[in-house]
Amino acid sequence: MIGPLKRSCSVMLWLCSILILTTTLYAGNDVLGEIQFVGASKVEKTSGVWVDGQYVGYLKELKGSKKVLLLPGEHEIVVRQAGFKDFTQKVLLEPGQRQVVNVTMAKDPQAQYPDVTAEVKTLVRPNRAAVFVDDRFVGFVDQFDGPGQWLLLAPGKHRFKITLPGYKTFETEVSLLANQKFELKTDLFKGSIMDAGPLMKEKGAEVAQTK
């Protein structure tokens, strides 16, 4: 009788622990607030999103398992796309609240593009990663990795950063010649969510353009 009794007690303890864990998780979800992003066009949907200075991904993927859950309080949202003005908005989240942020990107009339360029193709996995040139966000890997897709840059030395939440940031420096075609190849290594890096400078070298 002792054996079955021990097994019954073990099962009861296991069920109790699951119940406590589930209750804790639900309580945690009740505390967190959610930000839902809405973009009308492809420009908005393929723009990069930062929350409180931390890059979190591109807009159209921030849903489901990748939805943005934050502690209550004020948070700053910045959405970026090469050739467009930054979209900035502050939100005040209450516990368990969901807020919808409608993103509208506007063309930047001050954007400058070089007359003579070099062409860079980014062959990086995962191709959802964000690409920075001289600390300026220029787009995502999958915008520069297909047939006829190139990142156009002025000749000279440039600093590249490839970043994605959950992966270690890849950094390198490349010297480009006029009319040169260059392929940047790498695989990102798994890492902490904090390895994606902080907010990059708002104004970098104004040299980036997509072909």
N, C-alpha and C. Protein backbone atom coordinates (compact mmCIF):
# COMPACT_ATOMS: atom_id res chain seq x y z
N MET A 1 0.82 -1.22 0.00
CA MET A 1 0.00 0.00 0.00
C MET A 1 0.85 1.27 0.00
N ILE A 2 2.06 1.15 0.53
CA ILE A 2 2.91 2.34 0.64
C ILE A 2 3.29 2.88 -0.73
N GLY A 3 3.61 1.92 -1.69
CA GLY A 3 4.03 2.35 -3.04
C GLY A 3 2.96 3.17 -3.74
N PRO A 4 1.71 2.64 -3.87
CA PRO A 4 0.64 3.41 -4.51
C PRO A 4 0.36 4.72 -3.82
N LEU A 5 0.45 4.74 -2.47
CA LEU A 5 0.20 5.97 -1.72
C LEU A 5 1.24 7.04 -2.06
N LYS A 6 2.53 6.60 -2.17
CA LYS A 6 3.60 7.53 -2.53
C LYS A 6 3.37 8.10 -3.93
N ARG A 7 2.95 7.20 -4.86
CA ARG A 7 2.71 7.65 -6.23
C ARG A 7 1.57 8.67 -6.27
N SER A 8 0.50 8.40 -5.49
CA SER A 8 -0.64 9.32 -5.45
C SER A 8 -0.23 10.68 -4.91
N CYS A 9 0.59 10.66 -3.85
CA CYS A 9 1.08 11.92 -3.28
C CYS A 9 1.93 12.70 -4.27
N SER A 10 2.78 11.96 -5.02
CA SER A 10 3.65 12.60 -6.01
C SER A 10 2.83 13.27 -7.10
N VAL A 11 1.78 12.55 -7.56
CA VAL A 11 0.92 13.11 -8.61
C VAL A 11 0.22 14.36 -8.12
N MET A 12 -0.28 14.32 -6.87
CA MET A 12 -0.96 15.47 -6.30
C MET A 12 -0.03 16.68 -6.19
N LEU A 13 1.22 16.43 -5.75
CA LEU A 13 2.19 17.51 -5.64
C LEU A 13 2.50 18.11 -7.01
N TRP A 14 2.61 17.24 -8.03
CA TRP A 14 2.90 17.70 -9.39
C TRP A 14 1.77 18.57 -9.91
N LEU A 15 0.50 18.12 -9.67
CA LEU A 15 -0.65 18.90 -10.12
C LEU A 15 -0.71 20.25 -9.42
N CYS A 16 -0.39 20.26 -8.12
CA CYS A 16 -0.40 21.52 -7.37
C CYS A 16 0.65 22.49 -7.90
N SER A 17 1.84 21.95 -8.24
CA SER A 17 2.90 22.81 -8.75
C SER A 17 2.52 23.41 -10.10
N ILE A 18 1.87 22.61 -10.97
CA ILE A 18 1.41 23.11 -12.27
C ILE A 18 0.38 24.21 -12.08
N LEU A 19 -0.55 23.99 -11.11
CA LEU A 19 -1.59 24.97 -10.84
C LEU A 19 -0.99 26.29 -10.37
N ILE A 20 0.00 26.20 -9.48
CA ILE A 20 0.66 27.40 -8.97
C ILE A 20 1.39 28.13 -10.09
N LEU A 21 2.09 27.37 -10.96
CA LEU A 21 2.83 27.97 -12.07
C LEU A 21 1.88 28.66 -13.03
N THR A 22 0.76 27.98 -13.35
CA THR A 22 -0.22 28.56 -14.28
C THR A 22 -0.81 29.84 -13.73
N THR A 23 -1.14 29.81 -12.43
CA THR A 23 -1.69 31.00 -11.79
C THR A 23 -0.71 32.16 -11.84
N THR A 24 0.58 31.84 -11.62
CA THR A 24 1.62 32.87 -11.66
C THR A 24 1.76 33.47 -13.05
N LEU A 25 1.70 32.61 -14.08
CA LEU A 25 1.83 33.09 -15.45
C LEU A 25 0.66 34.01 -15.82
N TYR A 26 -0.55 33.61 -15.43
CA TYR A 26 -1.71 34.45 -15.72
C TYR A 26 -1.61 35.78 -15.00
N ALA A 27 -1.12 35.72 -13.75
CA ALA A 27 -0.95 36.95 -12.98
C ALA A 27 0.05 37.87 -13.66
N GLY A 28 1.15 37.27 -14.20
CA GLY A 28 2.16 38.05 -14.91
C GLY A 28 1.58 38.71 -16.15
N ASN A 29 0.73 37.96 -16.91
CA ASN A 29 0.12 38.51 -18.10
C ASN A 29 -0.84 39.64 -17.76
N ASP A 30 -1.50 39.56 -16.60
CA ASP A 30 -2.41 40.62 -16.16
C ASP A 30 -1.65 41.90 -15.85
N VAL A 31 -0.41 41.78 -15.43
CA VAL A 31 0.41 42.94 -15.09
C VAL A 31 0.95 43.61 -16.35
N LEU A 32 1.39 42.82 -17.32
CA LEU A 32 2.01 43.37 -18.52
C LEU A 32 0.98 44.03 -19.43
N GLY A 33 1.42 45.08 -20.12
CA GLY A 33 0.61 45.70 -21.15
C GLY A 33 1.13 45.30 -22.52
N GLU A 34 0.30 45.45 -23.54
CA GLU A 34 0.69 45.05 -24.90
C GLU A 34 0.59 46.23 -25.85
N ILE A 35 1.56 46.33 -26.74
CA ILE A 35 1.51 47.33 -27.81
C ILE A 35 1.30 46.61 -29.13
N GLN A 36 0.24 46.96 -29.82
CA GLN A 36 -0.05 46.38 -31.13
C GLN A 36 0.23 47.42 -32.21
N PHE A 37 1.03 47.04 -33.19
CA PHE A 37 1.42 47.97 -34.24
C PHE A 37 0.60 47.73 -35.51
N VAL A 38 0.14 48.82 -36.12
CA VAL A 38 -0.63 48.74 -37.36
C VAL A 38 0.01 49.65 -38.39
N GLY A 39 0.33 49.08 -39.56
CA GLY A 39 0.89 49.86 -40.66
C GLY A 39 0.07 49.64 -41.92
N ALA A 40 -0.25 50.72 -42.62
CA ALA A 40 -1.16 50.62 -43.76
C ALA A 40 -0.50 50.05 -45.00
N SER A 41 0.77 50.37 -45.22
CA SER A 41 1.43 49.98 -46.47
C SER A 41 2.67 49.13 -46.20
N LYS A 42 3.28 48.68 -47.30
CA LYS A 42 4.50 47.87 -47.20
C LYS A 42 5.62 48.64 -46.52
N VAL A 43 5.64 49.95 -46.73
CA VAL A 43 6.69 50.78 -46.12
C VAL A 43 6.64 50.65 -44.61
N GLU A 44 5.45 50.84 -44.03
CA GLU A 44 5.31 50.73 -42.58
C GLU A 44 5.59 49.31 -42.10
N LYS A 45 5.06 48.33 -42.80
CA LYS A 45 5.17 46.93 -42.36
C LYS A 45 6.60 46.41 -42.39
N THR A 46 7.44 47.00 -43.24
CA THR A 46 8.83 46.56 -43.32
C THR A 46 9.78 47.51 -42.60
N SER A 47 9.24 48.41 -41.78
CA SER A 47 10.07 49.33 -41.01
C SER A 47 10.54 48.69 -39.71
N GLY A 48 11.67 49.16 -39.20
CA GLY A 48 12.22 48.65 -37.95
C GLY A 48 11.61 49.35 -36.75
N VAL A 49 11.41 48.60 -35.66
CA VAL A 49 10.77 49.14 -34.46
C VAL A 49 11.73 49.07 -33.27
N TRP A 50 11.84 50.19 -32.54
CA TRP A 50 12.60 50.25 -31.30
C TRP A 50 11.67 50.61 -30.16
N VAL A 51 11.84 49.98 -29.01
CA VAL A 51 11.07 50.31 -27.81
C VAL A 51 12.05 50.67 -26.70
N ASP A 52 11.97 51.89 -26.22
CA ASP A 52 12.87 52.36 -25.16
C ASP A 52 14.34 52.15 -25.53
N GLY A 53 14.66 52.40 -26.81
CA GLY A 53 16.04 52.30 -27.25
C GLY A 53 16.51 50.92 -27.63
N GLN A 54 15.63 49.91 -27.56
CA GLN A 54 16.02 48.54 -27.88
C GLN A 54 15.34 48.10 -29.17
N TYR A 55 16.12 47.64 -30.14
CA TYR A 55 15.54 47.14 -31.39
C TYR A 55 14.78 45.84 -31.11
N VAL A 56 13.52 45.75 -31.56
CA VAL A 56 12.70 44.57 -31.26
C VAL A 56 12.29 43.79 -32.50
N GLY A 57 12.49 44.35 -33.70
CA GLY A 57 12.13 43.62 -34.91
C GLY A 57 11.45 44.54 -35.90
N TYR A 58 11.03 43.97 -37.06
CA TYR A 58 10.31 44.81 -38.00
C TYR A 58 8.81 44.68 -37.78
N LEU A 59 8.09 45.72 -38.13
CA LEU A 59 6.71 45.92 -37.66
C LEU A 59 5.79 44.74 -37.93
N LYS A 60 5.83 44.18 -39.14
CA LYS A 60 4.83 43.17 -39.49
C LYS A 60 5.00 41.86 -38.74
N GLU A 61 6.17 41.63 -38.09
CA GLU A 61 6.37 40.38 -37.37
C GLU A 61 6.03 40.49 -35.89
N LEU A 62 5.71 41.68 -35.41
CA LEU A 62 5.49 41.88 -33.97
C LEU A 62 4.06 41.54 -33.58
N LYS A 63 3.74 40.27 -33.69
CA LYS A 63 2.42 39.77 -33.32
C LYS A 63 2.55 38.30 -32.94
N GLY A 64 1.48 37.73 -32.38
CA GLY A 64 1.53 36.33 -31.97
C GLY A 64 2.60 36.10 -30.92
N SER A 65 3.48 35.14 -31.17
CA SER A 65 4.55 34.83 -30.21
C SER A 65 5.58 35.94 -30.11
N LYS A 66 5.60 36.86 -31.08
CA LYS A 66 6.56 37.97 -31.07
C LYS A 66 5.91 39.30 -30.66
N LYS A 67 4.69 39.25 -30.12
CA LYS A 67 4.02 40.49 -29.74
C LYS A 67 4.80 41.19 -28.63
N VAL A 68 4.65 42.50 -28.56
CA VAL A 68 5.42 43.32 -27.62
C VAL A 68 4.64 43.46 -26.31
N LEU A 69 5.16 42.84 -25.24
CA LEU A 69 4.59 42.93 -23.90
C LEU A 69 5.54 43.73 -23.02
N LEU A 70 5.01 44.73 -22.32
CA LEU A 70 5.84 45.64 -21.54
C LEU A 70 5.26 45.87 -20.16
N LEU A 71 6.12 46.24 -19.23
CA LEU A 71 5.67 46.60 -17.89
C LEU A 71 4.88 47.91 -17.96
N PRO A 72 3.95 48.13 -17.04
CA PRO A 72 3.19 49.38 -17.03
C PRO A 72 4.11 50.59 -16.92
N GLY A 73 3.68 51.70 -17.49
CA GLY A 73 4.47 52.92 -17.45
C GLY A 73 4.58 53.55 -18.83
N GLU A 74 5.42 54.57 -18.93
CA GLU A 74 5.61 55.28 -20.20
C GLU A 74 6.73 54.63 -21.01
N HIS A 75 6.49 54.45 -22.30
CA HIS A 75 7.47 53.85 -23.19
C HIS A 75 7.57 54.68 -24.47
N GLU A 76 8.78 54.75 -25.01
CA GLU A 76 9.00 55.50 -26.26
C GLU A 76 9.13 54.53 -27.43
N ILE A 77 8.34 54.77 -28.46
CA ILE A 77 8.35 53.95 -29.67
C ILE A 77 9.01 54.74 -30.79
N VAL A 78 9.96 54.12 -31.48
CA VAL A 78 10.58 54.73 -32.66
C VAL A 78 10.52 53.72 -33.79
N VAL A 79 10.01 54.16 -34.95
CA VAL A 79 9.93 53.30 -36.14
C VAL A 79 10.78 53.94 -37.23
N ARG A 80 11.64 53.14 -37.88
CA ARG A 80 12.59 53.69 -38.85
C ARG A 80 12.55 52.93 -40.17
N GLN A 81 12.79 53.69 -41.23
CA GLN A 81 12.91 53.14 -42.58
C GLN A 81 13.81 54.08 -43.36
N ALA A 82 14.77 53.52 -44.11
CA ALA A 82 15.69 54.35 -44.90
C ALA A 82 14.92 55.21 -45.89
N GLY A 83 15.27 56.51 -45.94
CA GLY A 83 14.62 57.43 -46.85
C GLY A 83 13.35 58.06 -46.30
N PHE A 84 12.99 57.69 -45.06
CA PHE A 84 11.78 58.22 -44.43
C PHE A 84 12.14 58.85 -43.09
N LYS A 85 11.29 59.78 -42.65
CA LYS A 85 11.47 60.37 -41.33
C LYS A 85 11.15 59.35 -40.25
N ASP A 86 11.83 59.43 -39.12
CA ASP A 86 11.51 58.56 -37.99
C ASP A 86 10.09 58.84 -37.49
N PHE A 87 9.36 57.77 -37.21
CA PHE A 87 8.06 57.90 -36.55
C PHE A 87 8.29 57.68 -35.06
N THR A 88 7.93 58.67 -34.24
CA THR A 88 8.16 58.59 -32.79
C THR A 88 6.85 58.82 -32.05
N GLN A 89 6.61 57.99 -31.05
CA GLN A 89 5.40 58.16 -30.23
C GLN A 89 5.65 57.62 -28.83
N LYS A 90 5.16 58.34 -27.83
CA LYS A 90 5.23 57.86 -26.45
C LYS A 90 3.87 57.30 -26.05
N VAL A 91 3.89 56.16 -25.37
CA VAL A 91 2.64 55.54 -24.92
C VAL A 91 2.71 55.31 -23.42
N LEU A 92 1.57 55.43 -22.77
CA LEU A 92 1.47 55.18 -21.33
C LEU A 92 0.61 53.94 -21.15
N LEU A 93 1.24 52.84 -20.71
CA LEU A 93 0.55 51.56 -20.57
C LEU A 93 0.07 51.35 -19.14
N GLU A 94 -1.16 50.87 -19.02
CA GLU A 94 -1.71 50.45 -17.74
C GLU A 94 -1.61 48.93 -17.65
N PRO A 95 -1.63 48.36 -16.45
CA PRO A 95 -1.56 46.90 -16.30
C PRO A 95 -2.65 46.19 -17.10
N GLY A 96 -2.25 45.20 -17.90
CA GLY A 96 -3.20 44.42 -18.68
C GLY A 96 -3.81 45.14 -19.87
N GLN A 97 -3.36 46.36 -20.15
CA GLN A 97 -3.94 47.15 -21.24
C GLN A 97 -3.27 46.85 -22.57
N ARG A 98 -4.05 46.90 -23.65
CA ARG A 98 -3.50 46.81 -25.00
C ARG A 98 -3.69 48.15 -25.69
N GLN A 99 -2.60 48.68 -26.22
CA GLN A 99 -2.67 49.93 -26.97
C GLN A 99 -2.28 49.69 -28.41
N VAL A 100 -3.02 50.31 -29.32
CA VAL A 100 -2.75 50.20 -30.75
C VAL A 100 -1.99 51.44 -31.20
N VAL A 101 -0.85 51.22 -31.85
CA VAL A 101 -0.05 52.32 -32.40
C VAL A 101 -0.17 52.26 -33.92
N ASN A 102 -0.82 53.25 -34.50
CA ASN A 102 -0.97 53.34 -35.95
C ASN A 102 0.23 54.10 -36.52
N VAL A 103 1.03 53.40 -37.29
CA VAL A 103 2.29 53.96 -37.80
C VAL A 103 2.11 54.48 -39.23
N THR A 104 2.51 55.71 -39.45
CA THR A 104 2.51 56.31 -40.79
C THR A 104 3.88 56.91 -41.05
N MET A 105 4.56 56.42 -42.08
CA MET A 105 5.88 56.90 -42.42
C MET A 105 5.79 57.99 -43.49
N ALA A 106 6.59 59.04 -43.32
CA ALA A 106 6.62 60.16 -44.28
C ALA A 106 8.00 60.25 -44.92
N LYS A 107 8.03 60.51 -46.22
CA LYS A 107 9.29 60.66 -46.94
C LYS A 107 10.14 61.77 -46.32
N ASP A 108 11.44 61.52 -46.27
CA ASP A 108 12.38 62.52 -45.74
C ASP A 108 12.93 63.35 -46.90
N PRO A 109 12.52 64.61 -47.04
CA PRO A 109 13.00 65.43 -48.16
C PRO A 109 14.48 65.75 -48.07
N GLN A 110 15.08 65.56 -46.90
CA GLN A 110 16.49 65.87 -46.72
C GLN A 110 17.40 64.66 -46.96
N ALA A 111 16.80 63.52 -47.30
CA ALA A 111 17.61 62.32 -47.56
C ALA A 111 18.52 62.57 -48.75
N GLN A 112 19.79 62.20 -48.61
CA GLN A 112 20.78 62.42 -49.66
C GLN A 112 21.31 61.08 -50.16
N TYR A 113 21.55 61.02 -51.47
CA TYR A 113 22.04 59.79 -52.09
C TYR A 113 23.27 60.11 -52.95
N PRO A 114 24.25 59.23 -52.95
CA PRO A 114 25.48 59.50 -53.70
C PRO A 114 25.29 59.32 -55.19
N ASP A 115 26.08 60.08 -55.98
CA ASP A 115 26.05 59.96 -57.44
C ASP A 115 26.81 58.72 -57.90
N VAL A 116 27.95 58.44 -57.24
CA VAL A 116 28.76 57.25 -57.55
C VAL A 116 28.61 56.28 -56.39
N THR A 117 28.38 55.00 -56.71
CA THR A 117 28.08 54.04 -55.64
C THR A 117 28.86 52.74 -55.79
N ALA A 118 28.88 51.99 -54.71
CA ALA A 118 29.28 50.58 -54.70
C ALA A 118 28.03 49.78 -54.34
N GLU A 119 27.97 48.51 -54.75
CA GLU A 119 26.80 47.68 -54.52
C GLU A 119 27.13 46.59 -53.50
N VAL A 120 26.31 46.50 -52.46
CA VAL A 120 26.53 45.51 -51.40
C VAL A 120 25.33 44.57 -51.32
N LYS A 121 25.61 43.28 -51.35
CA LYS A 121 24.57 42.26 -51.16
C LYS A 121 24.78 41.62 -49.79
N THR A 122 23.72 41.49 -49.00
CA THR A 122 23.83 40.92 -47.65
C THR A 122 23.30 39.49 -47.66
N LEU A 123 24.20 38.54 -47.55
CA LEU A 123 23.83 37.11 -47.51
C LEU A 123 24.00 36.64 -46.07
N VAL A 124 22.99 36.91 -45.27
CA VAL A 124 23.06 36.68 -43.82
C VAL A 124 21.86 35.85 -43.38
N ARG A 125 22.10 34.92 -42.47
CA ARG A 125 21.00 34.16 -41.85
C ARG A 125 20.97 34.42 -40.35
N PRO A 126 19.78 34.62 -39.76
CA PRO A 126 18.46 34.74 -40.39
C PRO A 126 18.35 36.04 -41.20
N ASN A 127 17.57 35.98 -42.27
CA ASN A 127 17.47 37.16 -43.13
C ASN A 127 16.44 38.17 -42.64
N ARG A 128 15.91 37.97 -41.43
CA ARG A 128 15.02 38.97 -40.80
C ARG A 128 15.82 40.05 -40.08
N ALA A 129 17.14 39.86 -39.99
CA ALA A 129 17.98 40.77 -39.21
C ALA A 129 18.00 42.17 -39.82
N ALA A 130 18.21 43.16 -38.95
CA ALA A 130 18.30 44.56 -39.38
C ALA A 130 19.73 44.90 -39.78
N VAL A 131 19.86 45.79 -40.76
CA VAL A 131 21.16 46.19 -41.28
C VAL A 131 21.40 47.67 -40.94
N PHE A 132 22.57 47.94 -40.36
CA PHE A 132 22.98 49.31 -40.05
C PHE A 132 24.28 49.60 -40.78
N VAL A 133 24.37 50.79 -41.35
CA VAL A 133 25.60 51.25 -41.98
C VAL A 133 25.99 52.57 -41.32
N ASP A 134 27.18 52.60 -40.74
CA ASP A 134 27.66 53.79 -40.01
C ASP A 134 26.64 54.23 -38.96
N ASP A 135 26.10 53.23 -38.25
CA ASP A 135 25.13 53.44 -37.16
C ASP A 135 23.77 53.95 -37.62
N ARG A 136 23.50 53.85 -38.90
CA ARG A 136 22.20 54.28 -39.42
C ARG A 136 21.45 53.07 -39.97
N PHE A 137 20.20 52.92 -39.53
CA PHE A 137 19.36 51.81 -40.00
C PHE A 137 19.04 52.01 -41.48
N VAL A 138 19.31 50.97 -42.31
CA VAL A 138 19.07 51.09 -43.75
C VAL A 138 18.07 50.07 -44.27
N GLY A 139 17.65 49.11 -43.44
CA GLY A 139 16.70 48.11 -43.89
C GLY A 139 17.00 46.75 -43.30
N PHE A 140 16.47 45.70 -43.95
CA PHE A 140 16.63 44.33 -43.47
C PHE A 140 17.39 43.49 -44.48
N VAL A 141 18.00 42.42 -44.00
CA VAL A 141 18.82 41.56 -44.86
C VAL A 141 18.05 41.12 -46.09
N ASP A 142 16.77 40.73 -45.92
CA ASP A 142 16.03 40.18 -47.07
C ASP A 142 15.67 41.23 -48.12
N GLN A 143 15.99 42.50 -47.85
CA GLN A 143 15.81 43.54 -48.86
C GLN A 143 17.03 43.67 -49.77
N PHE A 144 18.12 43.03 -49.38
CA PHE A 144 19.38 43.16 -50.13
C PHE A 144 20.01 41.82 -50.46
N ASP A 145 19.23 40.73 -50.47
CA ASP A 145 19.86 39.42 -50.68
C ASP A 145 19.34 38.66 -51.90
N GLY A 146 18.41 39.24 -52.64
CA GLY A 146 17.85 38.54 -53.78
C GLY A 146 18.37 39.05 -55.11
N PRO A 147 17.92 38.45 -56.22
CA PRO A 147 18.32 38.90 -57.56
C PRO A 147 17.93 40.36 -57.78
N GLY A 148 18.89 41.16 -58.19
CA GLY A 148 18.63 42.57 -58.45
C GLY A 148 18.48 43.42 -57.21
N GLN A 149 18.73 42.84 -56.03
CA GLN A 149 18.61 43.60 -54.78
C GLN A 149 20.00 43.93 -54.25
N TRP A 150 20.30 45.21 -54.15
CA TRP A 150 21.59 45.66 -53.65
C TRP A 150 21.40 46.86 -52.74
N LEU A 151 22.32 47.00 -51.81
CA LEU A 151 22.41 48.21 -51.00
C LEU A 151 23.46 49.10 -51.66
N LEU A 152 23.07 50.31 -52.05
CA LEU A 152 23.99 51.22 -52.74
C LEU A 152 24.61 52.19 -51.75
N LEU A 153 25.94 52.24 -51.74
CA LEU A 153 26.68 53.09 -50.80
C LEU A 153 27.74 53.90 -51.53
N ALA A 154 28.07 55.04 -50.98
CA ALA A 154 29.16 55.84 -51.52
C ALA A 154 30.48 55.10 -51.30
N PRO A 155 31.44 55.22 -52.22
CA PRO A 155 32.75 54.59 -52.02
C PRO A 155 33.40 55.10 -50.74
N GLY A 156 34.21 54.23 -50.14
CA GLY A 156 34.89 54.60 -48.90
C GLY A 156 34.72 53.54 -47.83
N LYS A 157 35.12 53.88 -46.61
CA LYS A 157 35.06 52.93 -45.49
C LYS A 157 33.72 53.06 -44.78
N HIS A 158 33.10 51.90 -44.50
CA HIS A 158 31.80 51.88 -43.83
C HIS A 158 31.78 50.80 -42.75
N ARG A 159 31.06 51.10 -41.66
CA ARG A 159 30.88 50.14 -40.56
C ARG A 159 29.51 49.48 -40.70
N PHE A 160 29.51 48.16 -40.73
CA PHE A 160 28.27 47.39 -40.84
C PHE A 160 27.94 46.74 -39.50
N LYS A 161 26.66 46.78 -39.14
CA LYS A 161 26.16 46.04 -37.99
C LYS A 161 24.91 45.29 -38.42
N ILE A 162 24.89 43.99 -38.15
CA ILE A 162 23.72 43.16 -38.44
C ILE A 162 23.17 42.68 -37.10
N THR A 163 21.91 42.99 -36.81
CA THR A 163 21.38 42.71 -35.48
C THR A 163 19.97 42.15 -35.53
N LEU A 164 19.68 41.26 -34.59
CA LEU A 164 18.35 40.64 -34.47
C LEU A 164 18.17 40.20 -33.02
N PRO A 165 17.04 40.53 -32.39
CA PRO A 165 16.82 40.09 -31.00
C PRO A 165 16.98 38.59 -30.85
N GLY A 166 17.73 38.18 -29.82
CA GLY A 166 17.99 36.76 -29.59
C GLY A 166 19.25 36.25 -30.25
N TYR A 167 19.95 37.13 -30.98
CA TYR A 167 21.19 36.75 -31.66
C TYR A 167 22.27 37.77 -31.32
N LYS A 168 23.52 37.33 -31.40
CA LYS A 168 24.64 38.23 -31.18
C LYS A 168 24.82 39.15 -32.39
N THR A 169 25.08 40.41 -32.13
CA THR A 169 25.26 41.39 -33.20
C THR A 169 26.56 41.12 -33.95
N PHE A 170 26.49 41.14 -35.28
CA PHE A 170 27.67 40.98 -36.13
C PHE A 170 28.13 42.36 -36.57
N GLU A 171 29.42 42.64 -36.41
CA GLU A 171 29.98 43.94 -36.79
C GLU A 171 31.22 43.74 -37.66
N THR A 172 31.35 44.58 -38.66
CA THR A 172 32.54 44.54 -39.51
C THR A 172 32.72 45.89 -40.19
N GLU A 173 33.92 46.14 -40.68
CA GLU A 173 34.23 47.38 -41.40
C GLU A 173 34.73 47.01 -42.79
N VAL A 174 34.21 47.71 -43.79
CA VAL A 174 34.53 47.38 -45.18
C VAL A 174 34.90 48.65 -45.93
N SER A 175 35.95 48.57 -46.75
CA SER A 175 36.33 49.68 -47.64
C SER A 175 35.84 49.35 -49.04
N LEU A 176 35.00 50.21 -49.59
CA LEU A 176 34.38 49.96 -50.89
C LEU A 176 34.94 50.91 -51.95
N LEU A 177 35.08 50.39 -53.16
CA LEU A 177 35.53 51.18 -54.30
C LEU A 177 34.34 51.56 -55.17
N ALA A 178 34.50 52.59 -55.97
CA ALA A 178 33.44 53.00 -56.88
C ALA A 178 33.08 51.86 -57.83
N ASN A 179 31.78 51.60 -57.99
CA ASN A 179 31.24 50.58 -58.89
C ASN A 179 31.58 49.15 -58.47
N GLN A 180 32.12 48.97 -57.26
CA GLN A 180 32.44 47.63 -56.76
C GLN A 180 31.17 46.89 -56.36
N LYS A 181 31.16 45.57 -56.58
CA LYS A 181 30.09 44.70 -56.09
C LYS A 181 30.66 43.85 -54.97
N PHE A 182 30.04 43.93 -53.79
CA PHE A 182 30.57 43.26 -52.60
C PHE A 182 29.48 42.43 -51.94
N GLU A 183 29.83 41.20 -51.54
CA GLU A 183 28.89 40.33 -50.84
C GLU A 183 29.31 40.19 -49.38
N LEU A 184 28.40 40.51 -48.48
CA LEU A 184 28.64 40.37 -47.04
C LEU A 184 27.94 39.10 -46.58
N LYS A 185 28.75 38.07 -46.22
CA LYS A 185 28.20 36.77 -45.85
C LYS A 185 28.50 36.44 -44.39
N THR A 186 27.49 36.02 -43.66
CA THR A 186 27.70 35.56 -42.29
C THR A 186 26.43 34.89 -41.77
N ASP A 187 26.57 34.07 -40.74
CA ASP A 187 25.45 33.52 -39.99
C ASP A 187 25.50 34.10 -38.59
N LEU A 188 24.38 34.60 -38.10
CA LEU A 188 24.34 35.14 -36.74
C LEU A 188 24.29 34.01 -35.73
N PHE A 189 24.99 34.19 -34.61
CA PHE A 189 25.01 33.19 -33.55
C PHE A 189 23.93 33.51 -32.52
N LYS A 190 23.31 32.45 -31.99
CA LYS A 190 22.30 32.62 -30.95
C LYS A 190 22.90 33.33 -29.74
N GLY A 191 22.09 34.17 -29.11
CA GLY A 191 22.55 34.88 -27.93
C GLY A 191 21.39 35.35 -27.10
N SER A 192 21.65 36.27 -26.19
CA SER A 192 20.63 36.83 -25.31
C SER A 192 19.79 37.85 -26.07
N ILE A 193 18.57 38.11 -25.57
CA ILE A 193 17.73 39.13 -26.16
C ILE A 193 18.41 40.49 -26.10
N MET A 194 19.31 40.69 -25.13
CA MET A 194 20.02 41.96 -24.98
C MET A 194 21.16 42.11 -25.98
N ASP A 195 21.51 41.02 -26.69
CA ASP A 195 22.61 41.09 -27.64
C ASP A 195 22.25 41.85 -28.91
N ALA A 196 20.98 42.20 -29.08
CA ALA A 196 20.57 42.89 -30.31
C ALA A 196 21.09 44.31 -30.37
N GLY A 197 21.49 44.88 -29.23
CA GLY A 197 22.11 46.20 -29.26
C GLY A 197 21.14 47.32 -29.00
N PRO A 198 21.65 48.48 -28.58
CA PRO A 198 20.81 49.63 -28.24
C PRO A 198 20.39 50.41 -29.46
N LEU A 199 19.69 51.49 -29.21
CA LEU A 199 19.24 52.38 -30.26
C LEU A 199 20.44 52.99 -30.98
N MET A 200 20.42 52.94 -32.31
CA MET A 200 21.50 53.53 -33.08
C MET A 200 21.25 55.03 -33.25
N LYS A 201 22.28 55.75 -33.66
CA LYS A 201 22.17 57.20 -33.81
C LYS A 201 21.08 57.55 -34.83
N GLU A 202 20.36 58.63 -34.52
CA GLU A 202 19.29 59.05 -35.43
C GLU A 202 19.85 59.49 -36.76
N LYS A 203 20.97 60.19 -36.74
CA LYS A 203 21.58 60.67 -37.98
C LYS A 203 22.94 60.02 -38.18
N GLY A 204 23.06 59.23 -39.22
CA GLY A 204 24.34 58.62 -39.54
C GLY A 204 24.83 59.19 -40.86
N ALA A 205 25.76 58.51 -41.49
CA ALA A 205 26.24 58.94 -42.79
C ALA A 205 25.10 58.80 -43.80
N GLU A 206 24.75 59.88 -44.48
CA GLU A 206 23.59 59.86 -45.38
C GLU A 206 24.03 59.31 -46.74
N VAL A 207 24.22 58.00 -46.78
CA VAL A 207 24.77 57.41 -48.00
C VAL A 207 23.96 56.21 -48.47
N ALA A 208 22.98 55.78 -47.70
CA ALA A 208 22.33 54.51 -48.00
C ALA A 208 21.17 54.66 -48.97
N GLN A 209 21.08 53.68 -49.85
CA GLN A 209 19.98 53.65 -50.81
C GLN A 209 19.81 52.21 -51.26
N THR A 210 18.60 51.81 -51.54
CA THR A 210 18.37 50.46 -52.05
C THR A 210 18.12 50.51 -53.54
N LYS A 211 18.55 49.43 -54.19
CA LYS A 211 18.37 49.37 -55.64
C LYS A 211 17.16 48.51 -55.96
